[in-house]
Amino acid sequence: MTATIRIADLAAPERTAMQLAAIASAPPVDLSVAAVLAAARAATGLDDFGSLDFLPRLDIWLRCFAEDAGLNALGRANGFADCVRQAATRLRFEDAWKRHPEIAATAIDRPIMIAGLPRSGTTHLVNLLAADDRLRSMPLWESMEPIAEIEPLPPRDSEPRRLRCKQMWGGFEAVLPLMPAMHEMDPDSVHEDVELLGPDFSGYVPEWVCRAHRLRDYLSAHDQTGHYRYARRILQYLSWSRGPNRWVLKSPPHMENLAALNRVFPDAAVVVTHRDPLAVLQSALTMIAYGDRLRRDRIDLPELADYWIARIERLLQRCVAERAVLPKALDVRFDEYMADQLGTIQRVYALADLELTPQARARIEAYLAANPRGKHGQVAYDIAGDFGIDVPALRERFAFYTDRFDVRPEVGVTS
C-alpha cells in the first residue's frame, strides 16, 4: 500500500537539526558578475567564455538572488554556486569546441522532444522512452555537468561528474527526506534539457529557487531561438563524446518556446503533455514550499502561489498561441497516459517513425515494473488550505487552455 504523506508545516517549518545545520553553514557570497567569472576560471583553469553576450543575462540571474528579500544566506550561496557551475560549463564547452572542431559536423538525428508543464508526467515519459537504448538521453549527472573533464570518457561508475552528482543529491535528499515522494532525483534518471540553456544563462531554473521576477520578465520579452541554438551545440558535443545521436529530451519551458524549438529542431517529433493546471500547481507549489525551508527566512505561501500561477499561465498562453507551428506533434492528455502508458508509448513511436521492437518493449515494461507511481509515498495536497487559492476562480482563469486541449479537471472534482 502506498503511504500517504501530508506536509502540514509548509508555512511555518519545523526544521530538523540537519536542516538548521545546513542553513548555519552557508558562507557569505559576492553576487557579482566579476566574482562568478573569477570563481569559474579558478575552478577550470580556463579563461575563454566565447561570446560575452551572456554577461547581461548572468547579471539578471545574480540580481534575482540579490533582490529576493526572503532568501537566506544558504539560498544566496546556492544561487551563486549554480551560476559558477554554469559559467564553468561554458568555459569547458568553448575549450572542447576549439580543440575538437569536428564536433560541429555531428548530426542530431530527428530528436523526440517532450514539452509539458512541470509535474505533468514528462519525467516519467522521458524515462520510459530512454529505456530504449537506441535513443540517447541525458541523465541527471550529465545534465548538471555536460562537458567532461577527462578524455576519453571514463567508465560510468568512475565518472567524476556522476560521483559528484551522487554525493550532492544524496546529501540533498538526506536534508529534505520527503522530496523523493514529489520528484525523485536519482543521478542516473533522465533529466531536463533546460539545463543546456544554463551555460548561456537562459531558461527558468532560477525561478524554482527564488522569486525571480526580473528573469521571468526578461524571458517573456526575448525570443529564445539563439539560446536553443547554443543548447543544440552542446547536444552535438554530447553525441560526439558518447552516442547515439538520436535523442529523447524533455523540458517544461518548451511549452512557451514551441516556435523557437521548431526553428532549431525542425525534424523533431514533439510530444506535448497536457494536465489540469491546478493539479500541476498544487504539486509544484508544495514541492517548492517544502524546499524553501532550507533557502528562505520568510515563507509567504500566497506570494509563492501568485508567482507560479502567473508563470504557468504564461507557459500555457504561449503553448496555445504556438502549438500550430509544430509540423510533427502529438498531444497527450495526462489521464489517458496514466490509463494506458504502453498505448501512449506506441503512439509516440509511431509519431517518431521508430519501430517498437520486442527488445525496446521489454526494456520499457521492465522500467514500468520497477518504477510504479508513488513508490516513495503519495503526497496529500491542499491547494486551497495551504496556499489560499480560490479553486473555481483559478479553473476559470485557465479555461483558455483546458478548453483548447480538452484537459480533464483533477482538483476540486467530487465523485
Protein backbone atom coordinates (compact mmCIF):
# COMPACT_ATOMS: atom_id res chain seq x y z
CA MET A 1 0.00 0.00 0.00
CA THR A 2 1.29 3.46 -0.91
CA ALA A 3 1.94 5.64 2.13
CA THR A 4 0.13 8.99 2.24
CA ILE A 5 2.29 11.98 3.21
CA ARG A 6 0.82 15.25 4.45
CA ILE A 7 3.28 18.14 4.85
CA ALA A 8 1.50 20.28 7.41
CA ASP A 9 4.26 22.77 8.23
CA LEU A 10 4.82 24.49 4.87
CA ALA A 11 4.03 27.98 6.16
CA ALA A 12 5.87 27.62 9.49
CA PRO A 13 8.50 24.90 9.01
CA GLU A 14 9.57 22.75 11.94
CA ARG A 15 13.16 22.47 10.78
CA THR A 16 15.24 19.45 11.73
CA ALA A 17 18.67 19.68 13.31
CA MET A 18 20.21 18.73 9.97
CA GLN A 19 18.31 21.48 8.17
CA LEU A 20 19.31 24.08 10.76
CA ALA A 21 22.95 22.99 10.48
CA ALA A 22 22.85 23.30 6.69
CA ILE A 23 21.44 26.82 6.94
CA ALA A 24 24.02 27.85 9.55
CA SER A 25 26.92 26.55 7.43
CA ALA A 26 26.21 28.83 4.45
CA PRO A 27 29.17 31.04 3.52
CA PRO A 28 28.77 34.70 2.54
CA VAL A 29 28.94 35.27 -1.21
CA ASP A 30 29.55 38.17 -3.57
CA LEU A 31 26.64 38.17 -6.01
CA SER A 32 28.54 39.97 -8.74
CA VAL A 33 29.36 39.01 -12.31
CA ALA A 34 33.07 39.50 -11.65
CA ALA A 35 33.00 37.13 -8.67
CA VAL A 36 31.24 34.40 -10.67
CA LEU A 37 33.63 34.68 -13.61
CA ALA A 38 36.65 34.59 -11.31
CA ALA A 39 35.36 31.52 -9.48
CA ALA A 40 34.64 29.72 -12.77
CA ARG A 41 38.12 30.48 -14.09
CA ALA A 42 39.67 29.24 -10.85
CA ALA A 43 37.61 26.03 -10.95
CA THR A 44 38.54 25.16 -14.52
CA GLY A 45 41.88 26.80 -15.23
CA LEU A 46 40.30 28.18 -18.39
CA ASP A 47 39.66 31.76 -19.49
CA ASP A 48 37.72 31.84 -22.79
CA PHE A 49 33.94 32.12 -22.35
CA GLY A 50 33.34 32.55 -26.06
CA SER A 51 30.86 35.29 -26.87
CA LEU A 52 30.38 37.59 -23.90
CA ASP A 53 26.78 38.39 -24.79
CA PHE A 54 25.75 36.20 -21.83
CA LEU A 55 27.06 38.70 -19.26
CA PRO A 56 23.85 40.79 -19.03
CA ARG A 57 21.88 37.58 -18.53
CA LEU A 58 24.26 36.37 -15.83
CA ASP A 59 23.73 39.74 -14.17
CA ILE A 60 19.96 39.16 -14.28
CA TRP A 61 20.34 35.76 -12.58
CA LEU A 62 22.51 37.27 -9.85
CA ARG A 63 20.20 40.23 -9.30
CA CYS A 64 17.28 37.85 -8.87
CA PHE A 65 19.09 36.16 -5.97
CA ALA A 66 20.15 39.52 -4.52
CA GLU A 67 16.72 41.16 -4.84
CA ASP A 68 14.71 38.33 -3.30
CA ALA A 69 14.37 39.62 0.27
CA GLY A 70 13.10 36.28 1.53
CA LEU A 71 16.23 34.32 0.63
CA ASN A 72 18.59 33.42 3.46
CA ALA A 73 22.36 33.04 3.24
CA LEU A 74 22.07 29.43 2.09
CA GLY A 75 19.67 30.40 -0.70
CA ARG A 76 22.09 33.06 -1.94
CA ALA A 77 25.12 30.79 -1.60
CA ASN A 78 23.40 28.07 -3.61
CA GLY A 79 22.38 30.61 -6.26
CA PHE A 80 25.97 31.82 -6.54
CA ALA A 81 27.27 28.24 -6.76
CA ASP A 82 24.82 27.44 -9.54
CA CYS A 83 25.98 30.47 -11.54
CA VAL A 84 29.59 29.36 -11.10
CA ARG A 85 28.69 25.84 -12.25
CA GLN A 86 27.04 27.16 -15.40
CA ALA A 87 29.90 29.54 -16.16
CA ALA A 88 32.42 26.73 -15.65
CA THR A 89 30.42 24.55 -18.06
CA ARG A 90 30.57 27.37 -20.62
CA LEU A 91 34.37 27.56 -20.25
CA ARG A 92 34.77 23.80 -20.68
CA PHE A 93 32.42 23.76 -23.65
CA GLU A 94 34.21 26.54 -25.51
CA ASP A 95 37.52 24.79 -24.82
CA ALA A 96 36.24 21.44 -26.12
CA TRP A 97 34.74 23.05 -29.23
CA LYS A 98 38.08 24.71 -30.06
CA ARG A 99 40.09 21.52 -29.51
CA HIS A 100 37.69 19.35 -31.48
CA PRO A 101 36.30 21.32 -34.44
CA GLU A 102 34.85 18.08 -35.80
CA ILE A 103 32.08 18.40 -33.23
CA ALA A 104 30.43 20.97 -35.50
CA ALA A 105 29.79 18.24 -38.10
CA THR A 106 27.99 15.94 -35.63
CA ALA A 107 24.39 15.37 -36.70
CA ILE A 108 21.39 15.45 -34.38
CA ASP A 109 19.01 12.90 -35.87
CA ARG A 110 15.23 13.54 -35.61
CA PRO A 111 15.02 14.01 -31.85
CA ILE A 112 11.95 13.17 -29.80
CA MET A 113 11.20 16.29 -27.75
CA ILE A 114 8.72 16.27 -24.88
CA ALA A 115 7.06 19.53 -23.88
CA GLY A 116 4.68 19.75 -20.96
CA LEU A 117 4.01 21.58 -17.74
CA PRO A 118 6.20 20.66 -14.79
CA ARG A 119 4.55 17.86 -12.80
CA SER A 120 2.56 16.70 -15.84
CA GLY A 121 4.20 13.30 -16.36
CA THR A 122 7.04 14.44 -18.60
CA THR A 123 9.76 13.00 -16.36
CA HIS A 124 8.14 9.57 -16.27
CA LEU A 125 7.54 9.63 -20.03
CA VAL A 126 11.10 10.58 -20.93
CA ASN A 127 12.49 7.88 -18.63
CA LEU A 128 10.21 5.29 -20.25
CA LEU A 129 11.38 6.26 -23.74
CA ALA A 130 15.02 6.41 -22.60
CA ALA A 131 14.79 2.75 -21.60
CA ASP A 132 15.19 2.09 -25.35
CA ASP A 133 18.98 2.09 -25.72
CA ARG A 134 18.72 3.12 -29.38
CA LEU A 135 17.88 6.60 -28.09
CA ARG A 136 20.36 8.99 -26.48
CA SER A 137 19.21 10.62 -23.28
CA MET A 138 20.80 12.82 -20.66
CA PRO A 139 20.97 11.52 -17.09
CA LEU A 140 20.87 13.95 -14.20
CA TRP A 141 24.62 13.74 -13.58
CA GLU A 142 25.37 14.64 -17.20
CA SER A 143 22.83 17.45 -17.30
CA MET A 144 24.46 19.09 -14.26
CA GLU A 145 27.93 18.97 -15.85
CA PRO A 146 27.55 18.17 -19.56
CA ILE A 147 31.18 18.74 -20.53
CA ALA A 148 33.63 16.03 -19.50
CA GLU A 149 36.86 16.94 -17.78
CA ILE A 150 38.50 13.64 -18.83
CA GLU A 151 39.02 12.42 -22.40
CA PRO A 152 38.28 9.74 -23.42
CA LEU A 153 35.28 9.29 -21.14
CA PRO A 154 35.91 7.06 -18.13
CA PRO A 155 33.54 4.19 -17.26
CA ARG A 156 30.26 5.38 -15.81
CA ASP A 157 30.97 4.09 -12.29
CA SER A 158 34.21 6.07 -12.08
CA GLU A 159 32.97 9.18 -13.90
CA PRO A 160 33.83 12.13 -11.59
CA ARG A 161 30.73 14.07 -12.66
CA ARG A 162 28.46 11.18 -11.72
CA LEU A 163 30.19 10.67 -8.38
CA ARG A 164 29.82 14.39 -7.56
CA CYS A 165 26.13 14.33 -8.51
CA LYS A 166 25.51 11.21 -6.44
CA GLN A 167 27.11 12.81 -3.40
CA MET A 168 25.31 16.12 -3.86
CA TRP A 169 21.82 14.70 -4.38
CA GLY A 170 22.31 12.10 -1.67
CA GLY A 171 23.03 14.93 0.75
CA PHE A 172 20.12 16.96 -0.58
CA GLU A 173 17.64 14.14 -0.03
CA ALA A 174 19.06 13.44 3.43
CA VAL A 175 18.28 17.03 4.40
CA LEU A 176 14.88 17.02 2.63
CA PRO A 177 13.73 13.40 3.01
CA LEU A 178 10.22 13.92 1.62
CA MET A 179 11.49 15.26 -1.72
CA PRO A 180 11.66 11.85 -3.49
CA ALA A 181 7.92 11.41 -2.93
CA MET A 182 7.37 14.53 -5.04
CA HIS A 183 10.26 14.37 -7.51
CA GLU A 184 12.99 11.75 -7.27
CA MET A 185 16.38 12.97 -8.48
CA ASP A 186 18.45 9.84 -8.95
CA PRO A 187 21.79 10.61 -10.68
CA ASP A 188 21.03 8.08 -13.43
CA SER A 189 17.45 9.16 -14.09
CA VAL A 190 16.88 11.24 -17.21
CA HIS A 191 16.74 14.97 -16.56
CA GLU A 192 15.60 18.07 -18.42
CA ASP A 193 17.43 19.67 -21.31
CA VAL A 194 16.57 23.08 -19.81
CA GLU A 195 19.93 22.64 -18.12
CA LEU A 196 21.57 23.06 -21.54
CA LEU A 197 20.26 26.63 -21.64
CA GLY A 198 22.06 27.37 -18.36
CA PRO A 199 25.57 27.95 -19.74
CA ASP A 200 24.02 30.66 -21.93
CA PHE A 201 22.16 31.95 -18.83
CA SER A 202 18.72 31.41 -20.20
CA GLY A 203 15.92 29.12 -19.04
CA TYR A 204 13.78 29.25 -15.92
CA VAL A 205 15.87 27.19 -13.45
CA PRO A 206 16.44 30.11 -11.00
CA GLU A 207 12.69 30.56 -10.75
CA TRP A 208 12.47 27.27 -8.83
CA VAL A 209 14.72 28.51 -6.04
CA CYS A 210 13.86 32.21 -5.75
CA ARG A 211 11.18 34.69 -6.78
CA ALA A 212 12.92 35.64 -10.00
CA HIS A 213 10.62 38.42 -11.24
CA ARG A 214 13.40 40.06 -13.26
CA LEU A 215 14.28 36.84 -15.08
CA ARG A 216 10.63 35.96 -15.68
CA ASP A 217 10.05 39.34 -17.33
CA TYR A 218 13.23 39.04 -19.39
CA LEU A 219 12.32 35.58 -20.72
CA SER A 220 8.84 36.82 -21.58
CA ALA A 221 10.20 39.72 -23.61
CA HIS A 222 13.02 37.98 -25.51
CA ASP A 223 12.98 35.31 -28.21
CA GLN A 224 14.87 32.20 -27.11
CA THR A 225 15.92 30.88 -30.51
CA GLY A 226 19.58 31.82 -30.06
CA HIS A 227 19.72 30.04 -26.71
CA TYR A 228 18.18 26.92 -28.23
CA ARG A 229 20.91 27.02 -30.89
CA TYR A 230 23.51 27.16 -28.11
CA ALA A 231 21.86 24.15 -26.45
CA ARG A 232 21.90 22.28 -29.77
CA ARG A 233 25.68 22.78 -29.97
CA ILE A 234 26.02 21.19 -26.54
CA LEU A 235 23.91 18.26 -27.79
CA GLN A 236 26.34 17.92 -30.69
CA TYR A 237 29.19 17.73 -28.18
CA LEU A 238 27.34 15.11 -26.14
CA SER A 239 26.60 12.99 -29.22
CA TRP A 240 30.21 13.31 -30.31
CA SER A 241 31.50 12.25 -26.90
CA ARG A 242 29.05 9.37 -26.45
CA GLY A 243 26.46 8.26 -28.99
CA PRO A 244 23.93 7.50 -30.33
CA ASN A 245 22.81 10.75 -31.89
CA ARG A 246 19.05 10.28 -31.87
CA TRP A 247 17.86 11.99 -28.71
CA VAL A 248 14.86 11.82 -26.41
CA LEU A 249 14.60 15.05 -24.41
CA LYS A 250 12.10 16.90 -22.28
CA SER A 251 11.72 20.34 -20.80
CA PRO A 252 8.70 22.29 -19.47
CA PRO A 253 9.95 25.63 -20.91
CA HIS A 254 9.46 24.18 -24.40
CA MET A 255 5.78 24.95 -23.74
CA GLU A 256 6.46 28.68 -24.16
CA ASN A 257 9.09 28.25 -26.87
CA LEU A 258 7.49 25.92 -29.41
CA ALA A 259 8.32 28.25 -32.31
CA ALA A 260 11.96 28.51 -31.24
CA LEU A 261 12.08 24.74 -30.74
CA ASN A 262 10.76 24.19 -34.26
CA ARG A 263 13.24 26.64 -35.78
CA VAL A 264 16.24 24.90 -34.18
CA PHE A 265 14.97 21.30 -34.40
CA PRO A 266 12.72 21.29 -37.50
CA ASP A 267 12.86 17.49 -37.83
CA ALA A 268 11.85 16.81 -34.22
CA ALA A 269 8.88 14.72 -33.21
CA VAL A 270 7.31 16.79 -30.43
CA VAL A 271 5.12 15.26 -27.72
CA VAL A 272 3.06 17.82 -25.79
CA THR A 273 1.63 16.56 -22.50
CA HIS A 274 -1.46 18.21 -21.04
CA ARG A 275 -2.63 18.11 -17.42
CA ASP A 276 -5.02 20.05 -15.23
CA PRO A 277 -3.04 23.23 -14.36
CA LEU A 278 -4.44 23.12 -10.82
CA ALA A 279 -3.00 19.63 -10.31
CA VAL A 280 0.30 20.89 -11.68
CA LEU A 281 0.25 23.89 -9.37
CA GLN A 282 -0.64 22.01 -6.21
CA SER A 283 2.25 19.62 -6.82
CA ALA A 284 4.80 22.25 -7.88
CA LEU A 285 3.87 24.72 -5.14
CA THR A 286 4.10 22.08 -2.43
CA MET A 287 7.47 20.88 -3.69
CA ILE A 288 8.91 24.41 -3.89
CA ALA A 289 7.49 25.39 -0.50
CA TYR A 290 8.96 22.27 1.10
CA GLY A 291 12.41 23.14 -0.28
CA ASP A 292 12.02 26.76 0.79
CA ARG A 293 12.53 25.78 4.44
CA LEU A 294 16.22 25.47 3.58
CA ARG A 295 16.69 28.58 1.46
CA ARG A 296 14.24 31.16 2.86
CA ASP A 297 13.89 33.06 6.13
CA ARG A 298 10.42 34.30 5.23
CA ILE A 299 7.89 31.91 3.73
CA ASP A 300 4.83 33.51 2.20
CA LEU A 301 2.71 30.80 0.59
CA PRO A 302 0.17 33.11 -1.12
CA GLU A 303 3.09 35.07 -2.62
CA LEU A 304 4.59 31.83 -3.93
CA ALA A 305 1.23 30.85 -5.38
CA ASP A 306 0.77 34.22 -7.09
CA TYR A 307 4.20 33.94 -8.71
CA TRP A 308 3.66 30.45 -10.11
CA ILE A 309 0.06 30.94 -11.16
CA ALA A 310 1.26 33.79 -13.37
CA ARG A 311 4.22 31.72 -14.55
CA ILE A 312 2.14 28.70 -15.52
CA GLU A 313 -0.39 30.98 -17.20
CA ARG A 314 2.41 32.43 -19.34
CA LEU A 315 3.60 28.95 -20.35
CA LEU A 316 0.09 27.96 -21.34
CA GLN A 317 -0.71 31.17 -23.23
CA ARG A 318 2.37 30.68 -25.38
CA CYS A 319 1.57 27.00 -25.88
CA VAL A 320 -1.92 27.82 -27.13
CA ALA A 321 -0.52 30.54 -29.41
CA GLU A 322 2.32 28.47 -30.89
CA ARG A 323 1.08 24.86 -30.88
CA ALA A 324 0.05 25.07 -34.55
CA VAL A 325 3.62 25.80 -35.72
CA LEU A 326 4.72 22.23 -34.97
CA PRO A 327 4.63 20.13 -38.16
CA LYS A 328 5.04 16.78 -36.37
CA ALA A 329 3.47 16.67 -32.92
CA LEU A 330 1.29 14.60 -30.63
CA ASP A 331 -0.91 15.89 -27.82
CA VAL A 332 -1.06 13.53 -24.83
CA ARG A 333 -3.60 14.03 -22.07
CA PHE A 334 -2.33 13.05 -18.61
CA ASP A 335 -5.37 10.98 -17.70
CA GLU A 336 -5.18 8.98 -20.94
CA TYR A 337 -1.44 8.48 -20.49
CA MET A 338 -1.83 7.18 -16.93
CA ALA A 339 -4.65 4.85 -18.02
CA ASP A 340 -2.65 3.33 -20.88
CA GLN A 341 1.05 4.00 -20.66
CA LEU A 342 2.12 1.39 -23.20
CA GLY A 343 -0.52 2.62 -25.61
CA THR A 344 0.88 6.14 -25.27
CA ILE A 345 4.38 4.84 -25.92
CA GLN A 346 3.15 3.15 -29.11
CA ARG A 347 1.66 6.45 -30.28
CA VAL A 348 4.96 8.24 -29.63
CA TYR A 349 6.91 5.62 -31.56
CA ALA A 350 4.52 5.95 -34.48
CA LEU A 351 4.94 9.73 -34.45
CA ALA A 352 8.72 9.34 -34.45
CA ASP A 353 8.70 6.71 -37.23
CA LEU A 354 10.55 4.40 -34.86
CA GLU A 355 9.86 0.67 -34.61
CA LEU A 356 8.87 -0.52 -31.15
CA THR A 357 10.97 -3.66 -31.24
CA PRO A 358 10.42 -6.56 -28.82
CA GLN A 359 13.69 -5.62 -27.13
CA ALA A 360 12.64 -1.99 -26.66
CA ARG A 361 9.19 -3.01 -25.41
CA ALA A 362 10.74 -5.40 -22.87
CA ARG A 363 13.05 -2.70 -21.54
CA ILE A 364 10.15 -0.23 -21.24
CA GLU A 365 7.98 -2.78 -19.45
CA ALA A 366 10.85 -3.55 -17.07
CA TYR A 367 11.17 0.14 -16.24
CA LEU A 368 7.43 0.38 -15.60
CA ALA A 369 7.53 -2.61 -13.27
CA ALA A 370 10.48 -1.20 -11.33
CA ASN A 371 9.07 2.32 -11.05
CA PRO A 372 5.40 2.26 -10.06
CA ARG A 373 3.74 5.58 -9.43
CA GLY A 374 4.01 6.60 -5.75
CA LYS A 375 6.77 4.16 -4.84
CA HIS A 376 8.19 6.74 -2.37
CA GLY A 377 4.76 7.60 -0.98
CA GLN A 378 1.90 9.77 -2.17
CA VAL A 379 1.76 13.39 -1.04
CA ALA A 380 -1.66 14.67 0.01
CA TYR A 381 -2.14 18.18 -1.38
CA ASP A 382 -4.38 21.03 -0.20
CA ILE A 383 -4.09 23.84 -2.72
CA ALA A 384 -6.89 25.88 -1.15
CA GLY A 385 -5.97 25.35 2.50
CA ASP A 386 -2.19 25.70 2.13
CA PHE A 387 -2.00 28.46 -0.47
CA GLY A 388 -5.29 30.33 -0.16
CA ILE A 389 -6.30 29.59 -3.75
CA ASP A 390 -9.87 30.02 -4.94
CA VAL A 391 -10.18 26.80 -6.95
CA PRO A 392 -13.26 27.68 -9.09
CA ALA A 393 -11.84 31.12 -9.95
CA LEU A 394 -8.48 29.64 -10.90
CA ARG A 395 -10.12 26.96 -13.01
CA GLU A 396 -11.95 29.70 -14.92
CA ARG A 397 -8.68 31.60 -15.35
CA PHE A 398 -7.14 28.58 -17.10
CA ALA A 399 -10.19 27.74 -19.21
CA PHE A 400 -8.49 29.20 -22.33
CA TYR A 401 -6.08 26.25 -22.14
CA THR A 402 -8.19 23.43 -20.73
CA ASP A 403 -10.95 24.07 -23.27
CA ARG A 404 -8.45 24.20 -26.13
CA PHE A 405 -6.94 20.79 -25.33
CA ASP A 406 -9.92 19.14 -23.60
CA VAL A 407 -7.95 18.78 -20.36
CA ARG A 408 -9.82 16.91 -17.64
CA PRO A 409 -10.06 18.52 -14.19
CA GLU A 410 -8.41 16.70 -11.27
CA VAL A 411 -8.57 19.23 -8.41
CA GLY A 412 -11.85 20.16 -6.74
CA VAL A 413 -13.73 17.37 -8.50
CA THR A 414 -16.20 15.37 -6.44
CA SER A 415 -17.23 11.90 -7.50
